[in-house]
Amino acid sequence: MQVFPTPAAAWPLLRQAPTVMPTPVTIPIEITFHLNLDLETATFYDLQREVRREARQALLRALRTALGEVEKALLAGPILCPACQAPMRSRGRTMRRIVTVFGSVALRRARYGCAPCGTVRRPLDEWIGLDEGTEVTAAVREQVLYLSADLPYERAADVLRHVAGIGISGRQIQRLLEAESEHIEAAIGQAEADGEAPLRRRFRRAGRDGATAGAARVLQLRKLKTSGLWDQYWAHRFRQEGGGRRG
């Protein structure tokens, strides 16, 4: 069994942990929603479908509320520049979309700037742990890649939309695997050629060459899935995702 590598901080400037979040933080969440149902025409399936749809929206609202409370706690003390340790000034808010296990959510995060050195910080982004330009959280990547080990990318995307309400394309899934493959190889090494023939058939059916780097990455993903290390690997990746804020 491979030893997982020491995680690199997602936010290198923050290794000194200039902001310490008070813990524990109590976040009251209340989830309620209403259903409109015509009992003369509706079926039990209709009821389940409506509950699932409204529950997803309620969970997204709850997540947005919870993140708002987290940000309040993060901003309770002075925000210091990690480069020069000077107090930073508020520079308003900017929008960001992230993809969570409950679906996509748009956030307006506080932005802080340092006048002496020009450093910019968004404390909520640091706490979430996603790199700049990244939308998909590690929890979603885990679900996406679990399906992609056995299903073509577009089919995996279709299952995610239908079952989990997560909107993501097959091309996005392919890029997620490309980005994740370096971490997977560091954890389990390169995959052998076992199972290569059926994988090549899968790629040919999709109109692609089965003897490519993409096929090798899927073989590697399958190896991780069948190795018994899947849960351990993703627990490590979840810690890495927030590693930049721990210092």
Protein backbone atom coordinates (compact mmCIF):
# COMPACT_ATOMS: atom_id res chain seq x y z
CA MET A 1 0.00 0.00 0.00
CA GLN A 2 1.41 3.35 -1.07
CA VAL A 3 1.99 6.14 1.45
CA PHE A 4 0.03 9.20 0.45
CA PRO A 5 2.27 12.21 -0.29
CA THR A 6 2.41 15.23 1.96
CA PRO A 7 -0.17 17.70 0.61
CA ALA A 8 1.00 20.96 -0.87
CA ALA A 9 -0.93 23.92 0.49
CA ALA A 10 -3.69 25.01 -1.84
CA TRP A 11 -2.92 28.59 -0.84
CA PRO A 12 0.91 28.82 -0.40
CA LEU A 13 0.78 32.36 1.01
CA LEU A 14 -1.33 31.16 3.91
CA ARG A 15 1.05 28.66 5.51
CA GLN A 16 1.50 31.12 8.36
CA ALA A 17 -2.28 30.98 9.01
CA PRO A 18 -2.74 34.76 9.46
CA THR A 19 -6.44 34.26 10.18
CA VAL A 20 -7.58 31.83 12.86
CA MET A 21 -11.22 30.88 12.74
CA PRO A 22 -12.86 30.62 16.19
CA THR A 23 -14.09 27.08 16.84
CA PRO A 24 -16.59 25.68 17.42
CA VAL A 25 -19.07 27.79 15.46
CA THR A 26 -22.77 27.19 15.92
CA ILE A 27 -24.69 27.54 12.65
CA PRO A 28 -28.48 27.28 13.03
CA ILE A 29 -30.07 25.80 9.90
CA GLU A 30 -33.78 25.35 9.33
CA ILE A 31 -34.95 23.50 6.23
CA THR A 32 -38.58 23.89 5.19
CA PHE A 33 -40.40 23.80 1.88
CA HIS A 34 -43.94 23.50 0.55
CA LEU A 35 -45.41 21.13 -2.03
CA ASN A 36 -48.30 21.74 -4.39
CA LEU A 37 -49.97 18.47 -5.30
CA ASP A 38 -53.27 17.64 -6.99
CA LEU A 39 -54.34 14.43 -5.24
CA GLU A 40 -56.81 13.55 -7.99
CA THR A 41 -54.13 13.28 -10.66
CA ALA A 42 -50.83 12.96 -8.79
CA THR A 43 -49.18 9.63 -8.03
CA PHE A 44 -46.80 8.53 -5.31
CA TYR A 45 -44.01 8.92 -7.87
CA ASP A 46 -45.05 12.56 -8.38
CA LEU A 47 -44.88 13.12 -4.63
CA GLN A 48 -41.37 11.64 -4.40
CA ARG A 49 -40.20 13.67 -7.38
CA GLU A 50 -41.52 16.92 -5.91
CA VAL A 51 -40.01 16.21 -2.50
CA ARG A 52 -36.63 15.46 -4.07
CA ARG A 53 -36.68 18.59 -6.23
CA GLU A 54 -37.74 20.91 -3.42
CA ALA A 55 -35.35 19.26 -0.96
CA ARG A 56 -32.41 19.90 -3.28
CA GLN A 57 -33.27 23.58 -3.48
CA ALA A 58 -33.76 23.76 0.29
CA LEU A 59 -30.37 22.10 0.87
CA LEU A 60 -28.72 24.59 -1.46
CA ARG A 61 -30.32 27.48 0.43
CA ALA A 62 -29.13 25.94 3.71
CA LEU A 63 -25.61 25.55 2.35
CA ARG A 64 -25.55 29.17 1.21
CA THR A 65 -26.77 30.29 4.64
CA ALA A 66 -24.15 28.15 6.38
CA LEU A 67 -21.36 29.57 4.22
CA GLY A 68 -22.56 33.04 5.06
CA GLU A 69 -22.23 32.27 8.77
CA VAL A 70 -18.78 30.76 8.21
CA GLU A 71 -17.67 33.93 6.42
CA LYS A 72 -18.99 36.10 9.28
CA ALA A 73 -16.84 34.12 11.70
CA LEU A 74 -13.82 34.37 9.42
CA LEU A 75 -14.20 38.15 9.21
CA ALA A 76 -14.79 38.65 12.93
CA GLY A 77 -11.13 39.52 13.48
CA PRO A 78 -8.71 41.61 11.43
CA ILE A 79 -7.69 40.15 8.06
CA LEU A 80 -3.91 40.27 7.88
CA CYS A 81 -1.72 40.21 4.80
CA PRO A 82 0.21 36.91 4.71
CA ALA A 83 3.16 38.67 3.05
CA CYS A 84 3.69 41.69 5.32
CA GLN A 85 1.28 41.00 8.21
CA ALA A 86 -0.37 44.40 7.76
CA PRO A 87 -4.14 44.70 8.25
CA MET A 88 -5.95 44.48 4.94
CA ARG A 89 -8.84 46.67 3.80
CA SER A 90 -12.18 45.53 2.44
CA ARG A 91 -12.47 45.77 -1.36
CA GLY A 92 -16.14 44.83 -1.69
CA ARG A 93 -17.44 41.50 -2.88
CA THR A 94 -17.05 39.34 -5.98
CA MET A 95 -19.12 36.47 -7.34
CA ARG A 96 -18.02 32.87 -7.63
CA ARG A 97 -19.86 29.71 -8.62
CA ILE A 98 -19.00 26.38 -7.01
CA VAL A 99 -20.38 22.91 -7.72
CA THR A 100 -21.33 21.04 -4.55
CA VAL A 101 -23.00 17.70 -3.82
CA PHE A 102 -26.29 19.61 -3.59
CA GLY A 103 -25.81 21.35 -6.95
CA SER A 104 -24.31 24.66 -8.06
CA VAL A 105 -24.32 27.67 -5.79
CA ALA A 106 -23.27 31.26 -6.52
CA LEU A 107 -21.44 33.05 -3.71
CA ARG A 108 -20.64 36.73 -3.15
CA ARG A 109 -17.42 36.60 -1.18
CA ALA A 110 -15.69 39.40 0.66
CA ARG A 111 -12.46 40.57 -0.95
CA TYR A 112 -9.58 42.18 0.94
CA GLY A 113 -6.53 44.00 -0.40
CA CYS A 114 -3.20 45.05 1.03
CA ALA A 115 -2.23 48.59 0.00
CA PRO A 116 1.54 48.26 0.66
CA CYS A 117 2.16 45.06 -1.34
CA GLY A 118 -1.00 44.55 -3.44
CA THR A 119 -1.87 41.10 -2.07
CA VAL A 120 -5.55 40.12 -2.42
CA ARG A 121 -7.37 37.67 -0.16
CA ARG A 122 -10.85 36.17 -0.16
CA PRO A 123 -11.15 34.48 3.25
CA LEU A 124 -14.16 32.34 2.34
CA ASP A 125 -12.36 30.94 -0.71
CA GLU A 126 -9.39 30.09 1.49
CA TRP A 127 -11.62 28.26 3.96
CA ILE A 128 -13.40 26.32 1.22
CA GLY A 129 -9.98 25.43 -0.16
CA LEU A 130 -10.64 25.58 -3.89
CA ASP A 131 -7.92 26.99 -6.11
CA GLU A 132 -8.67 30.09 -8.16
CA GLY A 133 -10.48 29.14 -11.35
CA THR A 134 -11.78 25.85 -9.93
CA GLU A 135 -15.52 25.25 -9.51
CA VAL A 136 -15.90 21.57 -8.62
CA THR A 137 -15.39 20.58 -4.97
CA ALA A 138 -13.52 17.41 -3.99
CA ALA A 139 -16.75 15.78 -2.78
CA VAL A 140 -18.23 16.17 -6.27
CA ARG A 141 -15.02 14.98 -7.94
CA GLU A 142 -15.21 11.81 -5.86
CA GLN A 143 -18.74 11.05 -7.09
CA VAL A 144 -17.92 11.98 -10.68
CA LEU A 145 -14.82 9.82 -10.89
CA TYR A 146 -16.42 6.86 -9.11
CA LEU A 147 -18.93 6.69 -11.97
CA SER A 148 -16.33 7.42 -14.64
CA ALA A 149 -14.29 4.37 -13.69
CA ASP A 150 -17.04 2.22 -15.23
CA LEU A 151 -19.09 4.52 -17.47
CA PRO A 152 -18.25 6.68 -20.49
CA TYR A 153 -17.92 10.33 -19.58
CA GLU A 154 -21.20 11.44 -21.13
CA ARG A 155 -23.09 8.55 -19.54
CA ALA A 156 -21.60 9.39 -16.13
CA ALA A 157 -22.66 13.02 -16.61
CA ASP A 158 -26.19 11.91 -17.48
CA VAL A 159 -26.42 9.73 -14.34
CA LEU A 160 -25.21 12.61 -12.16
CA ARG A 161 -27.81 14.97 -13.60
CA HIS A 162 -30.65 12.47 -13.26
CA VAL A 163 -29.84 11.01 -9.84
CA ALA A 164 -27.94 13.74 -7.99
CA GLY A 165 -29.05 16.90 -9.77
CA ILE A 166 -25.42 17.85 -10.49
CA GLY A 167 -25.00 19.53 -13.86
CA ILE A 168 -21.66 18.63 -15.40
CA SER A 169 -20.63 17.67 -18.93
CA GLY A 170 -18.68 14.68 -20.16
CA ARG A 171 -15.87 16.98 -21.26
CA GLN A 172 -15.70 18.51 -17.80
CA ILE A 173 -15.46 15.01 -16.31
CA GLN A 174 -12.61 14.18 -18.67
CA ARG A 175 -10.75 17.32 -17.57
CA LEU A 176 -11.35 16.47 -13.89
CA LEU A 177 -9.77 13.05 -14.41
CA GLU A 178 -6.84 14.62 -16.23
CA ALA A 179 -6.26 16.95 -13.29
CA GLU A 180 -6.70 14.17 -10.71
CA SER A 181 -4.51 11.57 -12.43
CA GLU A 182 -1.27 12.98 -11.01
CA HIS A 183 -2.58 12.54 -7.47
CA ILE A 184 -3.89 9.04 -8.24
CA GLU A 185 -0.55 7.95 -9.69
CA ALA A 186 1.27 9.32 -6.64
CA ALA A 187 -1.01 7.19 -4.44
CA ILE A 188 -1.09 3.88 -6.33
CA GLY A 189 1.45 4.09 -9.15
CA GLN A 190 0.80 3.32 -12.79
CA ALA A 191 -1.92 0.83 -13.72
CA GLU A 192 -1.07 -2.46 -15.42
CA ALA A 193 -2.71 -3.46 -18.67
CA ASP A 194 -5.28 -5.77 -17.00
CA GLY A 195 -8.72 -4.87 -18.34
CA GLU A 196 -7.25 -2.88 -21.23
CA ALA A 197 -9.16 -4.77 -23.94
CA PRO A 198 -12.71 -3.96 -22.71
CA LEU A 199 -11.62 -0.39 -22.02
CA ARG A 200 -10.41 -0.05 -25.61
CA ARG A 201 -13.80 -1.28 -26.80
CA ARG A 202 -15.46 1.37 -24.66
CA PHE A 203 -13.30 4.09 -26.22
CA ARG A 204 -13.87 2.79 -29.75
CA ARG A 205 -17.64 2.86 -29.22
CA ALA A 206 -17.25 6.51 -28.28
CA GLY A 207 -15.26 7.15 -31.46
CA ARG A 208 -11.91 7.53 -29.69
CA ASP A 209 -8.63 5.62 -29.75
CA GLY A 210 -8.36 3.18 -26.87
CA ALA A 211 -4.55 3.27 -26.79
CA THR A 212 -4.23 6.81 -25.47
CA ALA A 213 -3.21 8.66 -22.34
CA GLY A 214 -6.92 9.12 -21.60
CA ALA A 215 -7.49 5.36 -21.61
CA ALA A 216 -4.47 4.90 -19.35
CA ARG A 217 -5.94 7.39 -16.89
CA VAL A 218 -9.21 5.45 -16.78
CA LEU A 219 -7.27 2.21 -16.15
CA GLN A 220 -5.51 3.98 -13.30
CA LEU A 221 -8.85 5.16 -11.92
CA ARG A 222 -10.22 1.62 -12.08
CA LYS A 223 -7.19 0.35 -10.23
CA LEU A 224 -7.83 2.86 -7.46
CA LYS A 225 -11.50 1.88 -7.30
CA THR A 226 -10.74 -1.85 -6.96
CA SER A 227 -7.67 -1.51 -4.74
CA GLY A 228 -9.56 -1.01 -1.47
CA LEU A 229 -7.90 2.41 -1.13
CA TRP A 230 -10.74 4.50 -2.57
CA ASP A 231 -12.10 5.83 0.75
CA GLN A 232 -8.62 6.40 2.16
CA TYR A 233 -7.53 8.24 -0.97
CA TRP A 234 -10.51 10.60 -0.95
CA ALA A 235 -10.28 11.24 2.79
CA HIS A 236 -6.74 12.40 2.06
CA ARG A 237 -7.89 14.56 -0.86
CA PHE A 238 -10.65 16.15 1.25
CA ARG A 239 -8.00 17.16 3.79
CA GLN A 240 -5.83 18.51 1.00
CA GLU A 241 -8.67 20.64 -0.33
CA GLY A 242 -8.70 22.68 2.87
CA GLY A 243 -4.98 22.30 3.53
CA GLY A 244 -4.13 25.85 2.54
CA ARG A 245 -5.98 27.40 5.45
CA ARG A 246 -4.46 25.26 8.19
CA GLY A 247 -0.97 26.64 8.05
